[in-house]
N, C-alpha and C. Protein backbone atom coordinates (compact mmCIF):
# COMPACT_ATOMS: atom_id res chain seq x y z
N UNK A 1 -13.08 28.22 0.80
CA UNK A 1 -14.42 28.28 0.02
C UNK A 1 -14.18 26.82 -0.97
N UNK A 2 -13.06 26.66 -1.25
CA UNK A 2 -12.93 25.38 -2.34
C UNK A 2 -13.03 24.42 -1.67
N UNK A 3 -12.37 24.17 -0.37
CA UNK A 3 -12.45 23.06 0.38
C UNK A 3 -13.90 22.89 0.84
N UNK A 4 -14.85 23.61 1.21
CA UNK A 4 -16.53 23.53 1.60
C UNK A 4 -17.07 23.16 0.67
N UNK A 5 -16.84 23.50 -0.72
CA UNK A 5 -17.47 23.10 -1.94
C UNK A 5 -17.13 21.56 -2.27
N UNK A 6 -16.01 21.26 -2.23
CA UNK A 6 -15.52 19.98 -2.11
C UNK A 6 -16.54 19.05 -1.29
N UNK A 7 -16.61 19.20 0.02
CA UNK A 7 -17.43 18.54 0.89
C UNK A 7 -18.79 18.45 0.59
N UNK A 8 -19.25 19.97 0.48
CA UNK A 8 -20.90 19.81 0.12
C UNK A 8 -21.08 19.12 -1.42
N UNK A 9 -20.29 19.00 -2.34
CA UNK A 9 -20.50 18.45 -3.39
C UNK A 9 -20.47 17.07 -3.36
N UNK A 10 -19.59 16.41 -2.44
CA UNK A 10 -19.41 14.92 -2.58
C UNK A 10 -20.60 14.36 -1.90
N UNK A 11 -20.84 13.29 -2.61
CA UNK A 11 -21.92 12.21 -2.17
C UNK A 11 -21.54 10.74 -1.71
N UNK A 12 -22.30 10.36 -0.75
CA UNK A 12 -22.06 8.99 -0.38
C UNK A 12 -22.14 8.10 -1.70
N UNK A 13 -22.88 8.46 -2.79
CA UNK A 13 -22.60 7.40 -4.00
C UNK A 13 -21.27 7.43 -4.59
N UNK A 14 -20.62 8.79 -4.56
CA UNK A 14 -19.46 8.76 -5.14
C UNK A 14 -18.20 8.03 -4.26
N UNK A 15 -18.32 7.95 -2.90
CA UNK A 15 -17.84 7.11 -2.10
C UNK A 15 -18.01 5.60 -2.53
N UNK A 16 -19.15 5.38 -2.50
CA UNK A 16 -19.21 3.80 -2.82
C UNK A 16 -18.90 3.33 -4.37
N UNK A 17 -18.79 4.55 -5.27
CA UNK A 17 -18.31 4.15 -6.43
C UNK A 17 -16.91 3.92 -6.70
N UNK A 18 -16.27 4.73 -5.89
CA UNK A 18 -14.57 4.66 -5.76
C UNK A 18 -14.28 3.54 -5.09
N UNK A 19 -14.95 2.94 -3.94
CA UNK A 19 -14.66 1.95 -2.96
C UNK A 19 -15.83 0.75 -3.02
N UNK A 20 -16.00 0.35 -4.00
CA UNK A 20 -17.26 -0.98 -4.18
C UNK A 20 -16.62 -2.01 -3.51
N UNK A 21 -17.31 -2.96 -3.29
CA UNK A 21 -17.06 -4.33 -2.31
C UNK A 21 -15.53 -4.99 -2.78
N UNK A 22 -15.62 -4.98 -4.55
CA UNK A 22 -14.64 -5.56 -5.01
C UNK A 22 -13.17 -4.94 -4.81
N UNK A 23 -13.24 -3.67 -4.80
CA UNK A 23 -11.96 -2.78 -4.57
C UNK A 23 -11.62 -3.12 -2.92
N UNK A 24 -12.72 -2.90 -2.05
CA UNK A 24 -12.24 -3.38 -0.76
C UNK A 24 -11.68 -4.51 -0.63
N UNK A 25 -12.07 -5.65 -1.23
CA UNK A 25 -11.52 -6.87 -1.32
C UNK A 25 -10.04 -7.13 -1.59
N UNK A 26 -9.90 -6.26 -2.70
CA UNK A 26 -8.75 -6.33 -3.32
C UNK A 26 -7.66 -5.68 -2.26
N UNK A 27 -7.99 -4.62 -1.53
CA UNK A 27 -7.41 -3.98 -0.76
C UNK A 27 -7.22 -4.92 0.86
N UNK A 28 -8.12 -5.52 0.95
CA UNK A 28 -8.23 -6.25 2.00
C UNK A 28 -7.11 -7.60 1.90
N UNK A 29 -7.22 -8.29 0.78
CA UNK A 29 -6.33 -9.28 0.49
C UNK A 29 -4.68 -8.76 0.33
N UNK A 30 -4.53 -7.62 -0.26
CA UNK A 30 -3.02 -7.07 -0.42
C UNK A 30 -2.61 -6.81 1.18
N UNK A 31 -3.56 -6.25 1.89
CA UNK A 31 -2.96 -6.16 3.22
C UNK A 31 -2.74 -7.58 4.02
N UNK A 32 -3.86 -8.57 3.78
CA UNK A 32 -3.76 -9.80 4.43
C UNK A 32 -2.34 -10.51 3.88
N UNK A 33 -2.01 -10.53 2.77
CA UNK A 33 -0.97 -11.14 2.19
C UNK A 33 0.52 -10.64 2.69
N UNK A 34 0.45 -9.44 2.64
CA UNK A 34 1.43 -8.79 3.04
C UNK A 34 1.71 -8.95 4.71
N UNK A 35 0.86 -8.95 5.21
CA UNK A 35 0.88 -9.23 6.92
C UNK A 35 1.36 -11.03 7.21
N UNK A 36 1.22 -11.79 6.13
CA UNK A 36 2.03 -13.16 6.49
C UNK A 36 3.35 -12.95 6.46
N UNK A 37 4.17 -11.99 5.76
CA UNK A 37 5.61 -11.64 5.64
C UNK A 37 6.06 -10.98 6.54
N UNK A 38 5.29 -10.32 7.30
CA UNK A 38 5.95 -9.22 8.42
C UNK A 38 5.06 -9.16 9.66
N UNK A 39 5.56 -8.34 10.50
CA UNK A 39 4.89 -8.18 11.79
C UNK A 39 4.07 -7.06 11.91
N UNK A 40 4.09 -6.19 11.05
CA UNK A 40 3.36 -5.14 10.86
C UNK A 40 1.57 -5.51 10.95
N UNK A 41 1.04 -4.24 11.29
CA UNK A 41 -0.30 -4.28 11.07
C UNK A 41 -1.15 -2.81 10.21
N UNK A 42 -1.63 -3.22 9.39
CA UNK A 42 -2.16 -2.10 8.67
C UNK A 42 -3.74 -1.92 8.66
N UNK A 43 -3.94 -0.79 8.60
CA UNK A 43 -5.37 -0.40 8.59
C UNK A 43 -5.45 0.65 7.61
N UNK A 44 -6.54 0.67 6.70
CA UNK A 44 -6.88 1.73 5.76
C UNK A 44 -8.39 2.06 5.94
N UNK A 45 -8.45 3.35 6.17
CA UNK A 45 -9.60 3.96 6.25
C UNK A 45 -10.11 5.10 5.28
N UNK A 46 -11.20 4.89 4.64
CA UNK A 46 -11.61 5.87 3.67
C UNK A 46 -12.86 6.75 4.25
N UNK A 47 -12.60 8.10 4.06
CA UNK A 47 -13.92 8.95 4.58
C UNK A 47 -13.96 9.82 3.25
N UNK A 48 -15.63 9.87 2.92
CA UNK A 48 -15.82 10.52 1.72
C UNK A 48 -15.90 11.71 1.98
N UNK A 49 -16.52 12.30 2.95
CA UNK A 49 -16.53 13.77 3.49
C UNK A 49 -16.43 14.08 4.68
N UNK A 50 -16.38 15.21 5.46
CA UNK A 50 -16.99 15.53 6.72
C UNK A 50 -17.99 16.24 7.01
N UNK A 51 -18.66 16.36 8.13
CA UNK A 51 -19.55 17.43 8.38
C UNK A 51 -19.25 18.73 8.12
N UNK A 52 -20.20 19.37 7.69
CA UNK A 52 -19.72 20.64 7.63
C UNK A 52 -19.12 21.50 8.52
N UNK A 53 -19.39 21.58 9.70
CA UNK A 53 -18.96 22.23 10.80
C UNK A 53 -17.57 21.98 10.92
N UNK A 54 -17.14 20.64 10.72
CA UNK A 54 -15.76 20.56 10.93
C UNK A 54 -14.92 21.14 9.79
N UNK A 55 -15.38 21.16 8.55
CA UNK A 55 -14.77 22.00 7.38
C UNK A 55 -14.77 23.70 7.85
N UNK A 56 -15.86 23.76 8.24
CA UNK A 56 -15.78 25.36 8.72
C UNK A 56 -14.96 25.82 9.67
N UNK A 57 -14.92 24.76 10.42
CA UNK A 57 -13.90 24.91 11.83
C UNK A 57 -12.37 25.07 11.32
N UNK A 58 -11.97 24.25 10.19
CA UNK A 58 -10.67 24.27 9.64
C UNK A 58 -10.25 23.20 10.33
N UNK A 59 -10.58 22.33 10.42
CA UNK A 59 -10.09 20.88 10.90
C UNK A 59 -8.94 20.43 10.14
N UNK A 60 -7.83 20.16 10.51
CA UNK A 60 -6.81 19.49 9.80
C UNK A 60 -7.12 18.07 9.53
N UNK A 61 -6.70 17.57 8.33
CA UNK A 61 -6.77 16.22 7.81
C UNK A 61 -5.94 15.14 8.69
N UNK A 62 -4.69 15.77 9.20
CA UNK A 62 -3.90 14.80 10.00
C UNK A 62 -4.87 14.79 11.55
N UNK A 63 -5.34 15.58 11.96
CA UNK A 63 -6.11 15.71 13.29
C UNK A 63 -7.15 14.45 13.30
N UNK A 64 -7.80 14.67 12.13
CA UNK A 64 -8.96 13.60 12.01
C UNK A 64 -8.17 12.33 11.69
N UNK A 65 -7.23 12.14 11.15
CA UNK A 65 -6.21 10.70 11.00
C UNK A 65 -6.01 10.33 12.12
N UNK A 66 -5.45 11.13 13.23
CA UNK A 66 -5.05 10.89 14.54
C UNK A 66 -6.39 10.31 15.32
N UNK A 67 -7.46 10.84 15.15
CA UNK A 67 -8.57 10.38 15.79
C UNK A 67 -8.87 9.03 15.51
N UNK A 68 -8.90 8.80 14.02
CA UNK A 68 -9.27 7.29 13.58
C UNK A 68 -8.14 6.36 13.81
N UNK A 69 -7.00 6.59 14.00
CA UNK A 69 -5.87 6.13 14.45
C UNK A 69 -6.28 5.58 16.05
N UNK A 70 -6.52 6.32 16.78
CA UNK A 70 -7.19 5.90 18.31
C UNK A 70 -8.29 5.10 18.28
N UNK A 71 -9.20 5.32 17.37
CA UNK A 71 -10.65 4.72 17.36
C UNK A 71 -10.48 3.43 16.82
N UNK A 72 -9.64 3.21 15.62
CA UNK A 72 -9.60 1.92 15.16
C UNK A 72 -8.66 1.21 15.98
N UNK A 73 -7.91 1.47 16.85
CA UNK A 73 -6.94 0.83 17.69
C UNK A 73 -5.73 0.44 16.94
N UNK A 74 -5.25 1.04 16.24
CA UNK A 74 -3.85 1.07 15.31
C UNK A 74 -2.82 0.96 16.31
N UNK A 75 -3.06 1.72 17.51
CA UNK A 75 -1.80 1.83 18.28
C UNK A 75 -1.83 0.64 19.30
N UNK A 76 -2.79 -0.33 19.21
CA UNK A 76 -3.03 -1.33 20.07
C UNK A 76 -2.21 -2.85 19.46
N UNK A 77 -1.13 -2.76 19.15
CA UNK A 77 -0.46 -4.05 18.78
C UNK A 77 0.67 -4.44 19.40
N UNK A 78 1.06 -5.54 19.58
CA UNK A 78 2.18 -6.20 20.64
C UNK A 78 3.40 -5.34 20.23
N UNK A 79 3.73 -5.07 19.17
CA UNK A 79 5.15 -4.73 19.07
C UNK A 79 5.00 -2.97 18.53
N UNK A 80 4.12 -2.33 18.67
CA UNK A 80 3.61 -1.05 18.13
C UNK A 80 4.23 -0.96 16.87
N UNK A 81 3.65 -1.73 15.94
CA UNK A 81 3.85 -1.80 14.35
C UNK A 81 2.49 -1.59 13.51
N UNK A 82 1.54 -0.70 14.31
CA UNK A 82 0.50 -0.49 13.58
C UNK A 82 0.56 0.70 12.54
N UNK A 83 -0.07 0.57 11.53
CA UNK A 83 0.05 1.79 10.60
C UNK A 83 -1.55 2.22 10.08
N UNK A 84 -1.75 3.39 10.09
CA UNK A 84 -3.27 3.81 9.34
C UNK A 84 -2.66 4.55 8.02
N UNK A 85 -3.55 4.09 6.85
CA UNK A 85 -3.53 5.03 5.81
C UNK A 85 -4.93 5.68 5.76
N UNK A 86 -4.85 6.93 5.80
CA UNK A 86 -6.27 7.60 5.91
C UNK A 86 -6.21 8.31 4.48
N UNK A 87 -7.36 8.25 4.19
CA UNK A 87 -7.98 8.71 2.70
C UNK A 87 -9.25 9.98 3.18
N UNK A 88 -9.09 10.78 2.59
CA UNK A 88 -10.19 11.96 2.95
C UNK A 88 -10.53 12.12 1.25
N UNK A 89 -11.49 11.44 0.99
CA UNK A 89 -11.60 11.07 -0.77
C UNK A 89 -12.01 12.45 -1.40
N UNK A 90 -12.86 13.46 -0.70
CA UNK A 90 -13.51 14.58 -1.58
C UNK A 90 -12.39 15.41 -1.68
N UNK A 91 -11.36 15.47 -0.99
CA UNK A 91 -10.25 16.31 -1.05
C UNK A 91 -8.96 15.60 -1.72
N UNK A 92 -9.11 14.55 -1.93
CA UNK A 92 -8.03 13.68 -2.37
C UNK A 92 -6.76 13.72 -1.27
N UNK A 93 -6.97 13.65 -0.18
CA UNK A 93 -5.71 13.84 0.96
C UNK A 93 -5.65 12.73 1.37
N UNK A 94 -4.46 12.41 1.75
CA UNK A 94 -3.89 10.97 2.22
C UNK A 94 -3.15 11.37 3.46
N UNK A 95 -3.25 10.58 4.70
CA UNK A 95 -2.44 10.78 5.92
C UNK A 95 -2.04 9.30 6.06
N UNK A 96 -0.55 9.04 6.53
CA UNK A 96 -0.21 7.96 7.11
C UNK A 96 0.40 8.12 8.34
N UNK A 97 0.23 7.54 9.05
CA UNK A 97 0.42 7.34 10.70
C UNK A 97 0.82 6.14 11.19
N UNK A 98 1.96 6.03 11.68
CA UNK A 98 2.66 4.91 12.23
C UNK A 98 2.80 4.99 13.50
N UNK A 99 2.66 3.83 14.13
CA UNK A 99 3.00 3.87 15.80
C UNK A 99 4.58 3.66 16.23
N UNK A 100 4.77 3.69 17.32
CA UNK A 100 6.07 4.24 17.74
C UNK A 100 7.07 3.03 17.20
N UNK A 101 6.82 1.90 17.15
CA UNK A 101 7.73 0.84 16.62
C UNK A 101 8.27 1.12 15.30
N UNK A 102 7.37 1.58 14.44
CA UNK A 102 7.61 2.00 12.96
C UNK A 102 8.25 3.25 12.91
N UNK A 103 8.07 4.42 13.62
CA UNK A 103 8.52 5.54 13.63
C UNK A 103 9.99 5.56 13.90
N UNK A 104 10.52 4.33 14.83
CA UNK A 104 11.57 4.40 15.17
C UNK A 104 12.82 4.01 13.67
N UNK A 105 12.08 3.36 12.93
CA UNK A 105 13.02 3.09 11.88
C UNK A 105 12.36 3.83 10.41
N UNK A 106 11.47 4.58 10.48
CA UNK A 106 10.94 5.16 9.14
C UNK A 106 11.07 6.67 9.59
N UNK A 107 11.19 7.42 8.47
CA UNK A 107 11.21 9.01 8.22
C UNK A 107 10.11 9.39 7.88
N UNK A 108 9.42 10.85 8.25
CA UNK A 108 8.45 11.21 7.42
C UNK A 108 8.19 11.07 5.92
N UNK A 109 9.55 11.38 5.32
CA UNK A 109 9.83 10.97 4.11
C UNK A 109 9.16 9.96 3.45
N UNK A 110 9.33 8.71 4.14
CA UNK A 110 9.04 7.60 3.76
C UNK A 110 7.39 7.51 3.56
N UNK A 111 6.55 7.87 4.45
CA UNK A 111 5.14 8.06 4.34
C UNK A 111 4.80 9.04 3.35
N UNK A 112 5.68 10.34 3.33
CA UNK A 112 5.29 11.03 2.23
C UNK A 112 5.17 10.77 0.85
N UNK A 113 6.08 9.92 0.31
CA UNK A 113 6.35 9.78 -0.79
C UNK A 113 5.13 8.57 -1.21
N UNK A 114 4.99 7.69 -0.31
CA UNK A 114 3.54 6.68 -0.45
C UNK A 114 2.40 7.77 -0.70
N UNK A 115 2.20 8.64 0.37
CA UNK A 115 0.89 9.58 0.23
C UNK A 115 0.86 10.25 -1.14
N UNK A 116 1.92 10.83 -1.38
CA UNK A 116 2.02 11.26 -3.05
C UNK A 116 1.76 10.57 -4.12
N UNK A 117 2.25 9.27 -4.12
CA UNK A 117 2.05 8.25 -5.04
C UNK A 117 0.13 8.32 -5.04
N UNK A 118 -0.20 7.94 -3.76
CA UNK A 118 -1.53 7.51 -3.87
C UNK A 118 -2.53 8.76 -4.17
N UNK A 119 -2.12 9.67 -3.94
CA UNK A 119 -3.15 11.28 -4.18
C UNK A 119 -2.77 11.38 -5.67
N UNK A 120 -1.69 10.95 -6.46
CA UNK A 120 -1.65 10.94 -7.62
C UNK A 120 -2.45 9.96 -8.55
N UNK A 121 -2.49 8.85 -8.00
CA UNK A 121 -3.54 7.88 -8.48
C UNK A 121 -5.00 8.35 -8.24
N UNK A 122 -5.37 8.83 -7.27
CA UNK A 122 -6.78 9.21 -7.07
C UNK A 122 -7.18 10.38 -8.29
N UNK A 123 -6.02 11.36 -8.32
CA UNK A 123 -6.47 12.39 -9.31
C UNK A 123 -6.77 11.74 -10.87
N UNK A 124 -6.12 10.41 -10.93
CA UNK A 124 -6.29 9.76 -12.32
C UNK A 124 -7.52 8.89 -11.98
N UNK A 125 -8.10 8.86 -10.83
CA UNK A 125 -9.57 7.79 -10.66
C UNK A 125 -9.18 6.37 -10.61
N UNK A 126 -7.87 6.40 -10.09
CA UNK A 126 -7.46 5.09 -9.92
C UNK A 126 -7.30 4.52 -8.66
N UNK A 127 -8.59 4.43 -7.84
CA UNK A 127 -8.64 4.24 -6.52
C UNK A 127 -8.36 2.59 -5.85
N UNK A 128 -8.77 1.93 -6.75
CA UNK A 128 -8.25 0.56 -6.45
C UNK A 128 -6.57 0.29 -6.69
N UNK A 129 -6.17 0.60 -7.83
CA UNK A 129 -4.84 0.49 -8.13
C UNK A 129 -3.84 1.42 -7.08
N UNK A 130 -4.24 2.53 -6.99
CA UNK A 130 -3.49 3.37 -5.99
C UNK A 130 -3.62 3.02 -4.69
N UNK A 131 -4.60 2.50 -3.85
CA UNK A 131 -4.36 1.88 -2.69
C UNK A 131 -3.83 0.69 -2.58
N UNK A 132 -4.01 -0.25 -3.78
CA UNK A 132 -3.31 -1.62 -3.55
C UNK A 132 -1.64 -1.45 -3.55
N UNK A 133 -1.20 -0.30 -4.59
CA UNK A 133 0.22 -0.22 -4.68
C UNK A 133 0.96 0.58 -3.38
N UNK A 134 -0.22 1.51 -2.79
CA UNK A 134 0.25 1.90 -1.38
C UNK A 134 0.41 1.08 -0.36
N UNK A 135 -0.45 -0.02 -0.49
CA UNK A 135 -0.53 -1.19 0.69
C UNK A 135 0.83 -1.91 0.37
N UNK A 136 1.14 -2.25 -0.80
CA UNK A 136 2.48 -2.89 -1.20
C UNK A 136 3.45 -2.34 -0.82
N UNK A 137 3.51 -1.12 -0.84
CA UNK A 137 4.70 0.05 -0.77
C UNK A 137 4.93 -0.10 1.07
N UNK A 138 3.74 -0.01 1.60
CA UNK A 138 4.02 -0.46 3.31
C UNK A 138 4.52 -1.85 3.46
N UNK A 139 3.82 -2.87 2.89
CA UNK A 139 4.23 -4.09 2.98
C UNK A 139 5.76 -4.30 2.67
N UNK A 140 6.18 -3.92 1.75
CA UNK A 140 7.74 -3.75 1.44
C UNK A 140 8.59 -3.12 2.49
N UNK A 141 7.94 -2.08 2.86
CA UNK A 141 8.93 -1.34 4.11
C UNK A 141 8.87 -2.40 5.30
N UNK A 142 7.69 -2.82 5.74
CA UNK A 142 7.44 -3.52 6.87
C UNK A 142 8.31 -5.00 6.86
N UNK A 143 8.27 -5.49 5.43
CA UNK A 143 9.05 -6.73 5.32
C UNK A 143 10.61 -6.48 5.55
N UNK A 144 10.92 -5.14 5.06
CA UNK A 144 12.42 -4.82 5.22
C UNK A 144 12.76 -5.04 6.85
N UNK A 145 11.92 -4.30 7.47
CA UNK A 145 12.24 -3.76 9.11
C UNK A 145 11.43 -4.79 9.84
N UNK A 146 10.47 -5.31 9.78
CA UNK A 146 9.86 -6.28 10.62
C UNK A 146 9.49 -7.61 10.01
N UNK A 147 10.31 -8.41 9.42
CA UNK A 147 10.02 -9.57 8.85
C UNK A 147 9.21 -10.70 9.87
N UNK A 148 8.42 -11.44 9.36
CA UNK A 148 7.89 -12.37 10.22
C UNK A 148 8.92 -13.24 10.72
N UNK A 149 8.57 -13.55 12.15
CA UNK A 149 9.27 -14.43 13.10
C UNK A 149 8.72 -15.87 13.14
N UNK A 150 7.61 -16.28 12.26
CA UNK A 150 7.13 -17.51 12.68
C UNK A 150 5.84 -17.48 13.35
N UNK A 151 5.76 -16.48 14.54
CA UNK A 151 4.57 -16.21 15.24
C UNK A 151 3.89 -14.86 14.76
N UNK A 152 3.01 -14.84 13.99
CA UNK A 152 2.61 -13.61 13.51
C UNK A 152 0.99 -13.17 13.54
N UNK A 153 0.23 -13.37 14.67
CA UNK A 153 -1.31 -13.20 14.97
C UNK A 153 -1.63 -11.83 14.03
N UNK A 154 -2.76 -12.05 13.37
CA UNK A 154 -3.34 -10.77 13.17
C UNK A 154 -4.23 -10.03 13.88
N UNK A 155 -3.60 -9.02 14.15
CA UNK A 155 -4.06 -8.20 15.51
C UNK A 155 -5.01 -7.10 15.17
N UNK A 156 -5.21 -6.88 13.73
CA UNK A 156 -6.35 -5.67 13.45
C UNK A 156 -6.92 -6.29 12.13
N UNK A 157 -8.26 -5.96 12.13
CA UNK A 157 -8.98 -6.30 10.77
C UNK A 157 -8.25 -5.88 9.65
N UNK A 158 -8.27 -6.83 8.45
CA UNK A 158 -7.70 -6.24 7.46
C UNK A 158 -8.70 -5.62 6.27
N UNK A 159 -9.73 -5.75 6.41
CA UNK A 159 -10.80 -4.92 5.61
C UNK A 159 -10.72 -3.59 5.67
N UNK A 160 -10.84 -2.88 4.67
CA UNK A 160 -10.83 -1.29 4.91
C UNK A 160 -12.22 -0.76 5.65
N UNK A 161 -11.98 0.46 6.37
CA UNK A 161 -12.99 0.84 6.97
C UNK A 161 -13.67 1.99 5.72
N UNK A 162 -14.68 1.93 5.52
CA UNK A 162 -15.22 3.14 4.47
C UNK A 162 -16.30 3.87 5.03
N UNK A 163 -16.29 5.17 5.47
CA UNK A 163 -17.03 5.95 6.07
C UNK A 163 -17.69 6.81 5.08
N UNK A 164 -18.94 7.23 5.21
CA UNK A 164 -19.94 8.17 4.58
C UNK A 164 -19.67 8.05 3.14
């Protein structure tokens, strides 16, 4: 019931307030700057809330993240180094999904720690700071494991996707 209320009470205005254009631009810049230094590709997707039928059906946040991983083509990078940071804003839930190339060198604990930090920032209303720091943490990881080799095309758009 609590989950249903969170979705019912969340409004598109709340999503726009948490992720206005300047916040999206700060996130985009952090992604773009980091991707100059490594061979990974980062997508950040924010979804304010879900259709109520999905909530009533008990849809898992990870399942929605997997859908968006595919729809936003995070899997479609030359070295399989795409990574999705998915935010379900009304629940303050975060999932990080990494493509095969990243999973070979990262444990689930790597991503869980970043998710925890981001969730903590959200509970304090620090959407911009939390997302920028999460992207920096991912950039640091990617720099250690996949540093740029001089040929580094931008395979995915850097601007966050903000839904509903």
